[in-house]
Amino acid sequence: MRTYLVFIRCDLGKTYEVAAKLAEIEQAPHVHSVSGEYDLFAMFNLDDDADVGRFITDVVQTIPGIAATQTIVCFNPFTNDKGLPNG
């Protein structure tokens, strides 16, 4: 499983509608409103062999009201119970 973080800019007045649609996506455990250049932040967990480009363009960017996205690939999780050397 690989995690992707996606920052989403919405059309004016569409943030809540877009957030509701994103929250319906099975692979999206977290959707948050944020301040700054983007309106929303969504986390997606996809299978290791999933084509993230297709997922973003075919699933995320087809939601009405999305104006732009920025996708960040996550590498290693660092938590108290895993991901740390000797941990």
PDB file of N, CA and C in Angstrom:
ATOM      1  N   MET A   1       0.853  -1.174   0.000  1.00  0.00           N
ATOM      2  CA  MET A   1       0.000   0.000   0.000  1.00  0.00           C
ATOM      3  C   MET A   1       0.896   1.233   0.000  1.00  0.00           C
ATOM      4  N   ARG A   2       0.554   2.198  -0.812  1.00  0.00           N
ATOM      5  CA  ARG A   2       1.300   3.448  -0.892  1.00  0.00           C
ATOM      6  C   ARG A   2       0.332   4.600  -0.613  1.00  0.00           C
ATOM      7  N   THR A   3       0.832   5.615   0.091  1.00  0.00           N
ATOM      8  CA  THR A   3       0.013   6.775   0.449  1.00  0.00           C
ATOM      9  C   THR A   3       0.386   7.961  -0.422  1.00  0.00           C
ATOM     10  N   TYR A   4      -0.633   8.680  -0.869  1.00  0.00           N
ATOM     11  CA  TYR A   4      -0.463   9.891  -1.658  1.00  0.00           C
ATOM     12  C   TYR A   4      -1.225  11.011  -0.984  1.00  0.00           C
ATOM     13  N   LEU A   5      -0.612  12.171  -0.920  1.00  0.00           N
ATOM     14  CA  LEU A   5      -1.267  13.365  -0.393  1.00  0.00           C
ATOM     15  C   LEU A   5      -1.605  14.256  -1.576  1.00  0.00           C
ATOM     16  N   VAL A   6      -2.814  14.740  -1.624  1.00  0.00           N
ATOM     17  CA  VAL A   6      -3.237  15.570  -2.749  1.00  0.00           C
ATOM     18  C   VAL A   6      -3.818  16.869  -2.212  1.00  0.00           C
ATOM     19  N   PHE A   7      -3.221  17.973  -2.640  1.00  0.00           N
ATOM     20  CA  PHE A   7      -3.757  19.290  -2.339  1.00  0.00           C
ATOM     21  C   PHE A   7      -4.680  19.674  -3.488  1.00  0.00           C
ATOM     22  N   ILE A   8      -5.843  20.220  -3.159  1.00  0.00           N
ATOM     23  CA  ILE A   8      -6.877  20.465  -4.162  1.00  0.00           C
ATOM     24  C   ILE A   8      -7.349  21.904  -4.086  1.00  0.00           C
ATOM     25  N   ARG A   9      -7.323  22.575  -5.238  1.00  0.00           N
ATOM     26  CA  ARG A   9      -7.886  23.920  -5.355  1.00  0.00           C
ATOM     27  C   ARG A   9      -9.267  23.762  -5.988  1.00  0.00           C
ATOM     28  N   CYS A  10     -10.257  24.378  -5.370  1.00  0.00           N
ATOM     29  CA  CYS A  10     -11.631  24.253  -5.836  1.00  0.00           C
ATOM     30  C   CYS A  10     -12.101  25.529  -6.514  1.00  0.00           C
ATOM     31  N   ASP A  11     -13.098  25.367  -7.374  1.00  0.00           N
ATOM     32  CA  ASP A  11     -13.771  26.533  -7.931  1.00  0.00           C
ATOM     33  C   ASP A  11     -14.448  27.270  -6.779  1.00  0.00           C
ATOM     34  N   LEU A  12     -14.591  28.587  -6.918  1.00  0.00           N
ATOM     35  CA  LEU A  12     -15.216  29.390  -5.871  1.00  0.00           C
ATOM     36  C   LEU A  12     -16.595  28.835  -5.497  1.00  0.00           C
ATOM     37  N   GLY A  13     -16.810  28.679  -4.206  1.00  0.00           N
ATOM     38  CA  GLY A  13     -18.097  28.211  -3.714  1.00  0.00           C
ATOM     39  C   GLY A  13     -18.328  26.717  -3.804  1.00  0.00           C
ATOM     40  N   LYS A  14     -17.334  25.949  -4.201  1.00  0.00           N
ATOM     41  CA  LYS A  14     -17.520  24.508  -4.419  1.00  0.00           C
ATOM     42  C   LYS A  14     -16.777  23.624  -3.417  1.00  0.00           C
ATOM     43  N   THR A  15     -16.073  24.208  -2.456  1.00  0.00           N
ATOM     44  CA  THR A  15     -15.213  23.436  -1.562  1.00  0.00           C
ATOM     45  C   THR A  15     -15.975  22.353  -0.802  1.00  0.00           C
ATOM     46  N   TYR A  16     -17.119  22.688  -0.228  1.00  0.00           N
ATOM     47  CA  TYR A  16     -17.858  21.714   0.566  1.00  0.00           C
ATOM     48  C   TYR A  16     -18.418  20.587  -0.307  1.00  0.00           C
ATOM     49  N   GLU A  17     -18.859  20.922  -1.497  1.00  0.00           N
ATOM     50  CA  GLU A  17     -19.359  19.886  -2.417  1.00  0.00           C
ATOM     51  C   GLU A  17     -18.237  18.949  -2.822  1.00  0.00           C
ATOM     52  N   VAL A  18     -17.077  19.507  -3.148  1.00  0.00           N
ATOM     53  CA  VAL A  18     -15.928  18.685  -3.539  1.00  0.00           C
ATOM     54  C   VAL A  18     -15.490  17.804  -2.369  1.00  0.00           C
ATOM     55  N   ALA A  19     -15.419  18.373  -1.177  1.00  0.00           N
ATOM     56  CA  ALA A  19     -15.007  17.603  -0.001  1.00  0.00           C
ATOM     57  C   ALA A  19     -15.948  16.421   0.247  1.00  0.00           C
ATOM     58  N   ALA A  20     -17.237  16.637   0.095  1.00  0.00           N
ATOM     59  CA  ALA A  20     -18.207  15.556   0.294  1.00  0.00           C
ATOM     60  C   ALA A  20     -17.993  14.430  -0.711  1.00  0.00           C
ATOM     61  N   LYS A  21     -17.723  14.774  -1.957  1.00  0.00           N
ATOM     62  CA  LYS A  21     -17.472  13.750  -2.987  1.00  0.00           C
ATOM     63  C   LYS A  21     -16.164  13.000  -2.712  1.00  0.00           C
ATOM     64  N   LEU A  22     -15.126  13.731  -2.312  1.00  0.00           N
ATOM     65  CA  LEU A  22     -13.853  13.080  -1.997  1.00  0.00           C
ATOM     66  C   LEU A  22     -14.005  12.110  -0.833  1.00  0.00           C
ATOM     67  N   ALA A  23     -14.787  12.494   0.170  1.00  0.00           N
ATOM     68  CA  ALA A  23     -14.978  11.644   1.345  1.00  0.00           C
ATOM     69  C   ALA A  23     -15.694  10.339   1.006  1.00  0.00           C
ATOM     70  N   GLU A  24     -16.388  10.294  -0.116  1.00  0.00           N
ATOM     71  CA  GLU A  24     -17.069   9.067  -0.555  1.00  0.00           C
ATOM     72  C   GLU A  24     -16.117   8.057  -1.191  1.00  0.00           C
ATOM     73  N   ILE A  25     -14.916   8.487  -1.560  1.00  0.00           N
ATOM     74  CA  ILE A  25     -13.960   7.606  -2.232  1.00  0.00           C
ATOM     75  C   ILE A  25     -13.369   6.645  -1.209  1.00  0.00           C
ATOM     76  N   GLU A  26     -13.479   5.368  -1.484  1.00  0.00           N
ATOM     77  CA  GLU A  26     -13.033   4.324  -0.555  1.00  0.00           C
ATOM     78  C   GLU A  26     -11.567   4.473  -0.150  1.00  0.00           C
ATOM     79  N   GLN A  27     -10.719   4.897  -1.064  1.00  0.00           N
ATOM     80  CA  GLN A  27      -9.281   5.000  -0.814  1.00  0.00           C
ATOM     81  C   GLN A  27      -8.893   6.281  -0.068  1.00  0.00           C
ATOM     82  N   ALA A  28      -9.864   7.099   0.317  1.00  0.00           N
ATOM     83  CA  ALA A  28      -9.573   8.387   0.967  1.00  0.00           C
ATOM     84  C   ALA A  28      -9.965   8.350   2.439  1.00  0.00           C
ATOM     85  N   PRO A  29      -9.036   7.974   3.334  1.00  0.00           N
ATOM     86  CA  PRO A  29      -9.382   7.945   4.755  1.00  0.00           C
ATOM     87  C   PRO A  29      -9.472   9.333   5.388  1.00  0.00           C
ATOM     88  N   HIS A  30      -8.843  10.334   4.763  1.00  0.00           N
ATOM     89  CA  HIS A  30      -8.840  11.683   5.337  1.00  0.00           C
ATOM     90  C   HIS A  30      -9.039  12.738   4.258  1.00  0.00           C
ATOM     91  N   VAL A  31      -9.953  13.662   4.520  1.00  0.00           N
ATOM     92  CA  VAL A  31     -10.154  14.841   3.683  1.00  0.00           C
ATOM     93  C   VAL A  31     -10.305  16.012   4.643  1.00  0.00           C
ATOM     94  N   HIS A  32      -9.479  17.040   4.466  1.00  0.00           N
ATOM     95  CA  HIS A  32      -9.483  18.193   5.365  1.00  0.00           C
ATOM     96  C   HIS A  32      -9.577  19.486   4.568  1.00  0.00           C
ATOM     97  N   SER A  33     -10.254  20.479   5.126  1.00  0.00           N
ATOM     98  CA  SER A  33     -10.162  21.818   4.559  1.00  0.00           C
ATOM     99  C   SER A  33      -8.888  22.445   5.110  1.00  0.00           C
ATOM    100  N   VAL A  34      -8.230  23.252   4.294  1.00  0.00           N
ATOM    101  CA  VAL A  34      -6.972  23.885   4.686  1.00  0.00           C
ATOM    102  C   VAL A  34      -6.967  25.339   4.236  1.00  0.00           C
ATOM    103  N   SER A  35      -6.046  26.111   4.798  1.00  0.00           N
ATOM    104  CA  SER A  35      -5.904  27.500   4.383  1.00  0.00           C
ATOM    105  C   SER A  35      -4.703  27.617   3.467  1.00  0.00           C
ATOM    106  N   GLY A  36      -4.655  28.697   2.735  1.00  0.00           N
ATOM    107  CA  GLY A  36      -3.519  28.940   1.861  1.00  0.00           C
ATOM    108  C   GLY A  36      -3.871  28.790   0.400  1.00  0.00           C
ATOM    109  N   GLU A  37      -2.902  28.350  -0.368  1.00  0.00           N
ATOM    110  CA  GLU A  37      -3.044  28.252  -1.819  1.00  0.00           C
ATOM    111  C   GLU A  37      -4.093  27.230  -2.246  1.00  0.00           C
ATOM    112  N   TYR A  38      -4.287  26.197  -1.431  1.00  0.00           N
ATOM    113  CA  TYR A  38      -5.256  25.145  -1.750  1.00  0.00           C
ATOM    114  C   TYR A  38      -6.398  25.186  -0.756  1.00  0.00           C
ATOM    115  N   ASP A  39      -7.520  24.572  -1.137  1.00  0.00           N
ATOM    116  CA  ASP A  39      -8.718  24.568  -0.303  1.00  0.00           C
ATOM    117  C   ASP A  39      -8.873  23.279   0.503  1.00  0.00           C
ATOM    118  N   LEU A  40      -8.408  22.165  -0.078  1.00  0.00           N
ATOM    119  CA  LEU A  40      -8.568  20.860   0.551  1.00  0.00           C
ATOM    120  C   LEU A  40      -7.274  20.068   0.507  1.00  0.00           C
ATOM    121  N   PHE A  41      -7.159  19.150   1.439  1.00  0.00           N
ATOM    122  CA  PHE A  41      -6.056  18.202   1.512  1.00  0.00           C
ATOM    123  C   PHE A  41      -6.709  16.833   1.628  1.00  0.00           C
ATOM    124  N   ALA A  42      -6.328  15.900   0.778  1.00  0.00           N
ATOM    125  CA  ALA A  42      -6.871  14.545   0.848  1.00  0.00           C
ATOM    126  C   ALA A  42      -5.728  13.537   0.854  1.00  0.00           C
ATOM    127  N   MET A  43      -5.899  12.493   1.641  1.00  0.00           N
ATOM    128  CA  MET A  43      -4.941  11.395   1.676  1.00  0.00           C
ATOM    129  C   MET A  43      -5.583  10.207   0.970  1.00  0.00           C
ATOM    130  N   PHE A  44      -4.816   9.574   0.094  1.00  0.00           N
ATOM    131  CA  PHE A  44      -5.305   8.397  -0.611  1.00  0.00           C
ATOM    132  C   PHE A  44      -4.344   7.246  -0.378  1.00  0.00           C
ATOM    133  N   ASN A  45      -4.883   6.077  -0.051  1.00  0.00           N
ATOM    134  CA  ASN A  45      -4.094   4.855   0.088  1.00  0.00           C
ATOM    135  C   ASN A  45      -4.405   3.960  -1.093  1.00  0.00           C
ATOM    136  N   LEU A  46      -3.394   3.731  -1.927  1.00  0.00           N
ATOM    137  CA  LEU A  46      -3.576   2.927  -3.130  1.00  0.00           C
ATOM    138  C   LEU A  46      -2.665   1.702  -3.082  1.00  0.00           C
ATOM    139  N   ASP A  47      -3.080   0.645  -3.764  1.00  0.00           N
ATOM    140  CA  ASP A  47      -2.246  -0.550  -3.864  1.00  0.00           C
ATOM    141  C   ASP A  47      -0.914  -0.185  -4.505  1.00  0.00           C
ATOM    142  N   ASP A  48       0.121  -0.925  -4.146  1.00  0.00           N
ATOM    143  CA  ASP A  48       1.466  -0.653  -4.665  1.00  0.00           C
ATOM    144  C   ASP A  48       1.515  -0.637  -6.191  1.00  0.00           C
ATOM    145  N   ASP A  49       0.704  -1.470  -6.829  1.00  0.00           N
ATOM    146  CA  ASP A  49       0.748  -1.557  -8.288  1.00  0.00           C
ATOM    147  C   ASP A  49      -0.260  -0.628  -8.977  1.00  0.00           C
ATOM    148  N   ALA A  50      -0.959   0.192  -8.203  1.00  0.00           N
ATOM    149  CA  ALA A  50      -1.944   1.114  -8.788  1.00  0.00           C
ATOM    150  C   ALA A  50      -1.247   2.211  -9.586  1.00  0.00           C
ATOM    151  N   ASP A  51      -1.879   2.638 -10.658  1.00  0.00           N
ATOM    152  CA  ASP A  51      -1.377   3.745 -11.479  1.00  0.00           C
ATOM    153  C   ASP A  51      -1.930   5.039 -10.882  1.00  0.00           C
ATOM    154  N   VAL A  52      -1.100   5.718 -10.095  1.00  0.00           N
ATOM    155  CA  VAL A  52      -1.565   6.926  -9.398  1.00  0.00           C
ATOM    156  C   VAL A  52      -1.998   8.009 -10.378  1.00  0.00           C
ATOM    157  N   GLY A  53      -1.319   8.120 -11.501  1.00  0.00           N
ATOM    158  CA  GLY A  53      -1.705   9.112 -12.501  1.00  0.00           C
ATOM    159  C   GLY A  53      -3.119   8.886 -13.000  1.00  0.00           C
ATOM    160  N   ARG A  54      -3.441   7.650 -13.293  1.00  0.00           N
ATOM    161  CA  ARG A  54      -4.807   7.314 -13.742  1.00  0.00           C
ATOM    162  C   ARG A  54      -5.820   7.570 -12.636  1.00  0.00           C
ATOM    163  N   PHE A  55      -5.466   7.198 -11.405  1.00  0.00           N
ATOM    164  CA  PHE A  55      -6.381   7.408 -10.286  1.00  0.00           C
ATOM    165  C   PHE A  55      -6.691   8.900 -10.115  1.00  0.00           C
ATOM    166  N   ILE A  56      -5.657   9.722 -10.136  1.00  0.00           N
ATOM    167  CA  ILE A  56      -5.863  11.163  -9.949  1.00  0.00           C
ATOM    168  C   ILE A  56      -6.673  11.747 -11.104  1.00  0.00           C
ATOM    169  N   THR A  57      -6.306  11.408 -12.342  1.00  0.00           N
ATOM    170  CA  THR A  57      -7.008  12.004 -13.483  1.00  0.00           C
ATOM    171  C   THR A  57      -8.404  11.418 -13.697  1.00  0.00           C
ATOM    172  N   ASP A  58      -8.579  10.128 -13.453  1.00  0.00           N
ATOM    173  CA  ASP A  58      -9.872   9.488 -13.725  1.00  0.00           C
ATOM    174  C   ASP A  58     -10.852   9.544 -12.560  1.00  0.00           C
ATOM    175  N   VAL A  59     -10.340   9.586 -11.330  1.00  0.00           N
ATOM    176  CA  VAL A  59     -11.227   9.566 -10.159  1.00  0.00           C
ATOM    177  C   VAL A  59     -11.306  10.940  -9.493  1.00  0.00           C
ATOM    178  N   VAL A  60     -10.161  11.508  -9.166  1.00  0.00           N
ATOM    179  CA  VAL A  60     -10.149  12.760  -8.396  1.00  0.00           C
ATOM    180  C   VAL A  60     -10.489  13.962  -9.276  1.00  0.00           C
ATOM    181  N   GLN A  61      -9.757  14.141 -10.360  1.00  0.00           N
ATOM    182  CA  GLN A  61      -9.931  15.349 -11.169  1.00  0.00           C
ATOM    183  C   GLN A  61     -11.241  15.405 -11.940  1.00  0.00           C
ATOM    184  N   THR A  62     -11.995  14.324 -11.969  1.00  0.00           N
ATOM    185  CA  THR A  62     -13.296  14.340 -12.655  1.00  0.00           C
ATOM    186  C   THR A  62     -14.418  14.838 -11.751  1.00  0.00           C
ATOM    187  N   ILE A  63     -14.120  15.079 -10.478  1.00  0.00           N
ATOM    188  CA  ILE A  63     -15.135  15.603  -9.562  1.00  0.00           C
ATOM    189  C   ILE A  63     -15.428  17.056  -9.947  1.00  0.00           C
ATOM    190  N   PRO A  64     -16.691  17.382 -10.201  1.00  0.00           N
ATOM    191  CA  PRO A  64     -17.029  18.759 -10.550  1.00  0.00           C
ATOM    192  C   PRO A  64     -16.627  19.722  -9.434  1.00  0.00           C
ATOM    193  N   GLY A  65     -16.023  20.840  -9.817  1.00  0.00           N
ATOM    194  CA  GLY A  65     -15.624  21.855  -8.856  1.00  0.00           C
ATOM    195  C   GLY A  65     -14.153  21.851  -8.529  1.00  0.00           C
ATOM    196  N   ILE A  66     -13.418  20.844  -9.005  1.00  0.00           N
ATOM    197  CA  ILE A  66     -11.971  20.817  -8.782  1.00  0.00           C
ATOM    198  C   ILE A  66     -11.299  21.606  -9.891  1.00  0.00           C
ATOM    199  N   ALA A  67     -10.491  22.592  -9.505  1.00  0.00           N
ATOM    200  CA  ALA A  67      -9.792  23.434 -10.472  1.00  0.00           C
ATOM    201  C   ALA A  67      -8.355  22.983 -10.700  1.00  0.00           C
ATOM    202  N   ALA A  68      -7.690  22.458  -9.656  1.00  0.00           N
ATOM    203  CA  ALA A  68      -6.291  22.043  -9.778  1.00  0.00           C
ATOM    204  C   ALA A  68      -5.935  21.104  -8.632  1.00  0.00           C
ATOM    205  N   THR A  69      -4.930  20.258  -8.884  1.00  0.00           N
ATOM    206  CA  THR A  69      -4.435  19.361  -7.842  1.00  0.00           C
ATOM    207  C   THR A  69      -2.914  19.364  -7.829  1.00  0.00           C
ATOM    208  N   GLN A  70      -2.358  19.025  -6.677  1.00  0.00           N
ATOM    209  CA  GLN A  70      -0.920  18.793  -6.550  1.00  0.00           C
ATOM    210  C   GLN A  70      -0.768  17.507  -5.750  1.00  0.00           C
ATOM    211  N   THR A  71      -0.108  16.522  -6.339  1.00  0.00           N
ATOM    212  CA  THR A  71       0.038  15.211  -5.719  1.00  0.00           C
ATOM    213  C   THR A  71       1.438  15.041  -5.160  1.00  0.00           C
ATOM    214  N   ILE A  72       1.498  14.523  -3.941  1.00  0.00           N
ATOM    215  CA  ILE A  72       2.768  14.261  -3.264  1.00  0.00           C
ATOM    216  C   ILE A  72       2.826  12.776  -2.946  1.00  0.00           C
ATOM    217  N   VAL A  73       3.920  12.122  -3.341  1.00  0.00           N
ATOM    218  CA  VAL A  73       4.128  10.710  -3.056  1.00  0.00           C
ATOM    219  C   VAL A  73       4.762  10.579  -1.677  1.00  0.00           C
ATOM    220  N   CYS A  74       4.195   9.724  -0.836  1.00  0.00           N
ATOM    221  CA  CYS A  74       4.756   9.482   0.495  1.00  0.00           C
ATOM    222  C   CYS A  74       5.673   8.266   0.435  1.00  0.00           C
ATOM    223  N   PHE A  75       6.779   8.330   1.143  1.00  0.00           N
ATOM    224  CA  PHE A  75       7.726   7.226   1.165  1.00  0.00           C
ATOM    225  C   PHE A  75       7.597   6.408   2.444  1.00  0.00           C
ATOM    226  N   ASN A  76       8.247   6.800   3.505  1.00  0.00           N
ATOM    227  CA  ASN A  76       8.254   6.024   4.739  1.00  0.00           C
ATOM    228  C   ASN A  76       7.468   6.715   5.834  1.00  0.00           C
ATOM    229  N   PRO A  77       6.593   5.975   6.529  1.00  0.00           N
ATOM    230  CA  PRO A  77       5.917   6.559   7.680  1.00  0.00           C
ATOM    231  C   PRO A  77       6.842   6.516   8.894  1.00  0.00           C
ATOM    232  N   PHE A  78       6.858   7.556   9.673  1.00  0.00           N
ATOM    233  CA  PHE A  78       7.645   7.598  10.897  1.00  0.00           C
ATOM    234  C   PHE A  78       6.677   7.798  12.053  1.00  0.00           C
ATOM    235  N   THR A  79       6.463   6.734  12.785  1.00  0.00           N
ATOM    236  CA  THR A  79       5.551   6.754  13.929  1.00  0.00           C
ATOM    237  C   THR A  79       6.242   6.092  15.115  1.00  0.00           C
ATOM    238  N   ASN A  80       5.632   6.168  16.256  1.00  0.00           N
ATOM    239  CA  ASN A  80       6.223   5.551  17.450  1.00  0.00           C
ATOM    240  C   ASN A  80       6.266   4.037  17.383  1.00  0.00           C
ATOM    241  N   ASP A  81       5.404   3.426  16.601  1.00  0.00           N
ATOM    242  CA  ASP A  81       5.355   1.974  16.584  1.00  0.00           C
ATOM    243  C   ASP A  81       5.956   1.328  15.342  1.00  0.00           C
ATOM    244  N   LYS A  82       6.348   2.122  14.321  1.00  0.00           N
ATOM    245  CA  LYS A  82       6.960   1.523  13.142  1.00  0.00           C
ATOM    246  C   LYS A  82       7.680   2.605  12.339  1.00  0.00           C
ATOM    247  N   GLY A  83       8.544   2.178  11.473  1.00  0.00           N
ATOM    248  CA  GLY A  83       9.206   3.108  10.575  1.00  0.00           C
ATOM    249  C   GLY A  83      10.502   3.679  11.096  1.00  0.00           C
ATOM    250  N   LEU A  84      10.756   3.599  12.382  1.00  0.00           N
ATOM    251  CA  LEU A  84      11.998   4.136  12.934  1.00  0.00           C
ATOM    252  C   LEU A  84      13.045   3.035  13.057  1.00  0.00           C
ATOM    253  N   PRO A  85      14.299   3.359  12.778  1.00  0.00           N
ATOM    254  CA  PRO A  85      15.345   2.360  12.961  1.00  0.00           C
ATOM    255  C   PRO A  85      15.360   1.861  14.410  1.00  0.00           C
ATOM    256  N   ASN A  86      15.550   0.578  14.576  1.00  0.00           N
ATOM    257  CA  ASN A  86      15.599  -0.066  15.897  1.00  0.00           C
ATOM    258  C   ASN A  86      14.322   0.127  16.692  1.00  0.00           C
ATOM    259  N   GLY A  87      13.219   0.374  15.994  1.00  0.00           N
ATOM    260  CA  GLY A  87      11.961   0.643  16.712  1.00  0.00           C
ATOM    261  C   GLY A  87      10.957  -0.429  16.590  1.00  0.00           C
TER     262      GLY A  87
END
